[in-house]
Amino acid sequence: MPGVEEVKLHIAASVDDAEHAVVGMRAVVERLEETLNRLRVATAGSVHPRVADAIGHVEQAKQKVEEAQTLTLAGIQAAQSYHAVI
């Protein structure tokens, strides 16, 4: 069984990894926002169902990434809290 210091080191490394993942997710959200803006500009006035599908799918993807960000941040907070009490 690992000692407390080793556990703390692994928790800190996990938090660092998760923080890097959040940064990556922020970049993904920004790219998806750019994608949505371009799609909306390029398809302005179109009523084709594929346009609505494209925009809807990208919006859903953006929402899921934002949800993943929120969950990851909650995980970071919980891990940091645990790290502080051990």
N, C-alpha and C. Protein backbone atom coordinates (compact mmCIF):
# COMPACT_ATOMS: atom_id res chain seq x y z
N MET A 1 0.84 -1.17 0.00
CA MET A 1 0.00 0.00 0.00
C MET A 1 0.89 1.24 0.00
N PRO A 2 0.60 2.20 -0.90
CA PRO A 2 1.44 3.40 -0.97
C PRO A 2 1.25 4.29 0.26
N GLY A 3 2.30 5.01 0.58
CA GLY A 3 2.24 5.94 1.70
C GLY A 3 1.47 7.20 1.35
N VAL A 4 1.18 7.99 2.35
CA VAL A 4 0.39 9.21 2.18
C VAL A 4 1.05 10.16 1.18
N GLU A 5 2.34 10.34 1.29
CA GLU A 5 3.04 11.27 0.39
C GLU A 5 2.95 10.80 -1.07
N GLU A 6 3.06 9.50 -1.26
CA GLU A 6 2.94 8.97 -2.63
C GLU A 6 1.53 9.18 -3.16
N VAL A 7 0.54 8.96 -2.32
CA VAL A 7 -0.86 9.19 -2.73
C VAL A 7 -1.05 10.66 -3.09
N LYS A 8 -0.50 11.55 -2.26
CA LYS A 8 -0.62 12.98 -2.54
C LYS A 8 0.03 13.35 -3.87
N LEU A 9 1.18 12.75 -4.15
CA LEU A 9 1.85 13.02 -5.43
C LEU A 9 0.99 12.58 -6.61
N HIS A 10 0.38 11.42 -6.50
CA HIS A 10 -0.47 10.91 -7.58
C HIS A 10 -1.73 11.75 -7.74
N ILE A 11 -2.29 12.20 -6.64
CA ILE A 11 -3.47 13.08 -6.72
C ILE A 11 -3.09 14.39 -7.40
N ALA A 12 -1.97 14.97 -7.00
CA ALA A 12 -1.52 16.22 -7.61
C ALA A 12 -1.27 16.06 -9.10
N ALA A 13 -0.68 14.95 -9.48
CA ALA A 13 -0.44 14.69 -10.90
C ALA A 13 -1.76 14.51 -11.65
N SER A 14 -2.71 13.86 -11.01
CA SER A 14 -4.03 13.67 -11.63
C SER A 14 -4.73 15.01 -11.81
N VAL A 15 -4.64 15.87 -10.81
CA VAL A 15 -5.23 17.21 -10.91
C VAL A 15 -4.58 17.98 -12.05
N ASP A 16 -3.27 17.89 -12.16
CA ASP A 16 -2.55 18.57 -13.24
C ASP A 16 -3.02 18.06 -14.60
N ASP A 17 -3.16 16.75 -14.73
CA ASP A 17 -3.65 16.17 -15.99
C ASP A 17 -5.05 16.68 -16.31
N ALA A 18 -5.91 16.70 -15.30
CA ALA A 18 -7.29 17.15 -15.51
C ALA A 18 -7.33 18.63 -15.89
N GLU A 19 -6.48 19.43 -15.26
CA GLU A 19 -6.43 20.86 -15.61
C GLU A 19 -6.00 21.06 -17.05
N HIS A 20 -5.06 20.27 -17.52
CA HIS A 20 -4.65 20.34 -18.92
C HIS A 20 -5.80 19.93 -19.84
N ALA A 21 -6.55 18.94 -19.42
CA ALA A 21 -7.70 18.50 -20.21
C ALA A 21 -8.74 19.62 -20.31
N VAL A 22 -8.96 20.34 -19.21
CA VAL A 22 -9.92 21.45 -19.22
C VAL A 22 -9.47 22.53 -20.21
N VAL A 23 -8.19 22.82 -20.23
CA VAL A 23 -7.66 23.80 -21.18
C VAL A 23 -7.94 23.33 -22.61
N GLY A 24 -7.71 22.05 -22.87
CA GLY A 24 -8.00 21.51 -24.19
C GLY A 24 -9.48 21.60 -24.53
N MET A 25 -10.33 21.34 -23.55
CA MET A 25 -11.77 21.42 -23.79
C MET A 25 -12.19 22.85 -24.10
N ARG A 26 -11.57 23.82 -23.43
CA ARG A 26 -11.88 25.23 -23.72
C ARG A 26 -11.56 25.53 -25.19
N ALA A 27 -10.45 25.03 -25.66
CA ALA A 27 -10.08 25.23 -27.06
C ALA A 27 -11.09 24.58 -27.99
N VAL A 28 -11.57 23.40 -27.63
CA VAL A 28 -12.57 22.72 -28.45
C VAL A 28 -13.86 23.53 -28.48
N VAL A 29 -14.28 24.04 -27.34
CA VAL A 29 -15.51 24.85 -27.29
C VAL A 29 -15.35 26.08 -28.19
N GLU A 30 -14.22 26.73 -28.13
CA GLU A 30 -13.98 27.90 -28.98
C GLU A 30 -14.05 27.54 -30.46
N ARG A 31 -13.45 26.42 -30.83
CA ARG A 31 -13.49 25.99 -32.23
C ARG A 31 -14.91 25.66 -32.67
N LEU A 32 -15.68 25.04 -31.79
CA LEU A 32 -17.07 24.71 -32.12
C LEU A 32 -17.90 25.98 -32.26
N GLU A 33 -17.63 26.99 -31.43
CA GLU A 33 -18.32 28.27 -31.58
C GLU A 33 -17.99 28.91 -32.92
N GLU A 34 -16.72 28.85 -33.30
CA GLU A 34 -16.32 29.36 -34.62
C GLU A 34 -17.03 28.60 -35.72
N THR A 35 -17.12 27.29 -35.57
CA THR A 35 -17.80 26.47 -36.56
C THR A 35 -19.26 26.87 -36.69
N LEU A 36 -19.92 27.05 -35.54
CA LEU A 36 -21.33 27.46 -35.57
C LEU A 36 -21.51 28.82 -36.23
N ASN A 37 -20.64 29.76 -35.89
CA ASN A 37 -20.73 31.09 -36.51
C ASN A 37 -20.57 31.01 -38.02
N ARG A 38 -19.59 30.25 -38.48
CA ARG A 38 -19.37 30.12 -39.92
C ARG A 38 -20.54 29.42 -40.61
N LEU A 39 -21.04 28.38 -39.98
CA LEU A 39 -22.20 27.69 -40.55
C LEU A 39 -23.39 28.62 -40.67
N ARG A 40 -23.64 29.38 -39.62
CA ARG A 40 -24.78 30.30 -39.63
C ARG A 40 -24.63 31.39 -40.70
N VAL A 41 -23.44 31.92 -40.83
CA VAL A 41 -23.20 32.94 -41.85
C VAL A 41 -23.33 32.33 -43.24
N ALA A 42 -22.71 31.18 -43.44
CA ALA A 42 -22.69 30.55 -44.77
C ALA A 42 -24.07 30.07 -45.20
N THR A 43 -24.93 29.76 -44.23
CA THR A 43 -26.23 29.18 -44.58
C THR A 43 -27.39 30.11 -44.26
N ALA A 44 -27.09 31.38 -44.03
CA ALA A 44 -28.14 32.34 -43.68
C ALA A 44 -29.24 32.33 -44.74
N GLY A 45 -30.46 32.22 -44.28
CA GLY A 45 -31.61 32.21 -45.18
C GLY A 45 -31.99 30.83 -45.71
N SER A 46 -31.15 29.86 -45.48
CA SER A 46 -31.44 28.51 -45.96
C SER A 46 -32.44 27.83 -45.02
N VAL A 47 -33.36 27.10 -45.62
CA VAL A 47 -34.32 26.34 -44.82
C VAL A 47 -34.14 24.84 -45.03
N HIS A 48 -33.02 24.47 -45.63
CA HIS A 48 -32.76 23.06 -45.89
C HIS A 48 -32.59 22.32 -44.57
N PRO A 49 -33.22 21.15 -44.44
CA PRO A 49 -33.12 20.41 -43.18
C PRO A 49 -31.70 19.99 -42.81
N ARG A 50 -30.84 19.80 -43.78
CA ARG A 50 -29.45 19.42 -43.47
C ARG A 50 -28.71 20.54 -42.77
N VAL A 51 -29.08 21.78 -43.07
CA VAL A 51 -28.46 22.93 -42.39
C VAL A 51 -28.84 22.89 -40.91
N ALA A 52 -30.11 22.70 -40.64
CA ALA A 52 -30.57 22.62 -39.25
C ALA A 52 -29.91 21.43 -38.55
N ASP A 53 -29.77 20.32 -39.24
CA ASP A 53 -29.10 19.14 -38.66
C ASP A 53 -27.65 19.46 -38.31
N ALA A 54 -26.95 20.09 -39.24
CA ALA A 54 -25.54 20.41 -39.01
C ALA A 54 -25.38 21.31 -37.80
N ILE A 55 -26.16 22.37 -37.76
CA ILE A 55 -26.07 23.31 -36.64
C ILE A 55 -26.47 22.63 -35.34
N GLY A 56 -27.52 21.86 -35.36
CA GLY A 56 -27.98 21.16 -34.17
C GLY A 56 -26.96 20.19 -33.62
N HIS A 57 -26.32 19.45 -34.52
CA HIS A 57 -25.31 18.48 -34.07
C HIS A 57 -24.09 19.17 -33.47
N VAL A 58 -23.66 20.25 -34.09
CA VAL A 58 -22.49 20.97 -33.56
C VAL A 58 -22.85 21.62 -32.22
N GLU A 59 -24.06 22.16 -32.10
CA GLU A 59 -24.49 22.73 -30.82
C GLU A 59 -24.50 21.66 -29.72
N GLN A 60 -25.00 20.47 -30.06
CA GLN A 60 -25.01 19.37 -29.08
C GLN A 60 -23.60 18.98 -28.67
N ALA A 61 -22.72 18.92 -29.65
CA ALA A 61 -21.32 18.58 -29.35
C ALA A 61 -20.72 19.61 -28.41
N LYS A 62 -20.97 20.88 -28.68
CA LYS A 62 -20.46 21.96 -27.83
C LYS A 62 -21.01 21.82 -26.41
N GLN A 63 -22.29 21.55 -26.28
CA GLN A 63 -22.89 21.38 -24.96
C GLN A 63 -22.28 20.22 -24.20
N LYS A 64 -22.02 19.12 -24.90
CA LYS A 64 -21.44 17.96 -24.24
C LYS A 64 -20.01 18.23 -23.78
N VAL A 65 -19.26 18.98 -24.57
CA VAL A 65 -17.90 19.33 -24.15
C VAL A 65 -17.96 20.25 -22.94
N GLU A 66 -18.91 21.20 -22.95
CA GLU A 66 -19.07 22.08 -21.79
C GLU A 66 -19.47 21.28 -20.55
N GLU A 67 -20.32 20.29 -20.73
CA GLU A 67 -20.70 19.42 -19.62
C GLU A 67 -19.49 18.65 -19.10
N ALA A 68 -18.67 18.15 -20.02
CA ALA A 68 -17.46 17.43 -19.62
C ALA A 68 -16.52 18.36 -18.85
N GLN A 69 -16.43 19.62 -19.27
CA GLN A 69 -15.62 20.60 -18.56
C GLN A 69 -16.11 20.76 -17.12
N THR A 70 -17.40 20.94 -16.98
CA THR A 70 -18.00 21.14 -15.66
C THR A 70 -17.73 19.95 -14.76
N LEU A 71 -17.93 18.75 -15.30
CA LEU A 71 -17.69 17.54 -14.51
C LEU A 71 -16.21 17.40 -14.14
N THR A 72 -15.35 17.72 -15.06
CA THR A 72 -13.91 17.63 -14.80
C THR A 72 -13.50 18.62 -13.72
N LEU A 73 -14.02 19.84 -13.80
CA LEU A 73 -13.72 20.83 -12.77
C LEU A 73 -14.21 20.39 -11.40
N ALA A 74 -15.38 19.76 -11.36
CA ALA A 74 -15.89 19.23 -10.09
C ALA A 74 -14.98 18.12 -9.57
N GLY A 75 -14.50 17.29 -10.48
CA GLY A 75 -13.55 16.24 -10.09
C GLY A 75 -12.26 16.82 -9.55
N ILE A 76 -11.78 17.88 -10.16
CA ILE A 76 -10.56 18.55 -9.69
C ILE A 76 -10.77 19.08 -8.27
N GLN A 77 -11.89 19.73 -8.06
CA GLN A 77 -12.17 20.27 -6.72
C GLN A 77 -12.24 19.17 -5.67
N ALA A 78 -12.90 18.07 -6.02
CA ALA A 78 -13.01 16.96 -5.07
C ALA A 78 -11.64 16.37 -4.77
N ALA A 79 -10.82 16.19 -5.81
CA ALA A 79 -9.49 15.64 -5.61
C ALA A 79 -8.63 16.58 -4.77
N GLN A 80 -8.72 17.88 -5.02
CA GLN A 80 -7.96 18.84 -4.24
C GLN A 80 -8.41 18.84 -2.78
N SER A 81 -9.70 18.69 -2.57
CA SER A 81 -10.23 18.64 -1.22
C SER A 81 -9.70 17.41 -0.49
N TYR A 82 -9.71 16.28 -1.17
CA TYR A 82 -9.18 15.04 -0.58
C TYR A 82 -7.70 15.19 -0.27
N HIS A 83 -6.97 15.78 -1.22
CA HIS A 83 -5.54 16.01 -1.06
C HIS A 83 -5.26 16.83 0.20
N ALA A 84 -6.13 17.78 0.48
CA ALA A 84 -5.93 18.67 1.63
C ALA A 84 -6.17 17.97 2.97
N VAL A 85 -7.02 16.94 2.96
CA VAL A 85 -7.35 16.32 4.25
C VAL A 85 -6.52 15.08 4.58
N ILE A 86 -5.76 14.59 3.61
CA ILE A 86 -4.96 13.40 3.92
C ILE A 86 -3.57 13.79 4.37
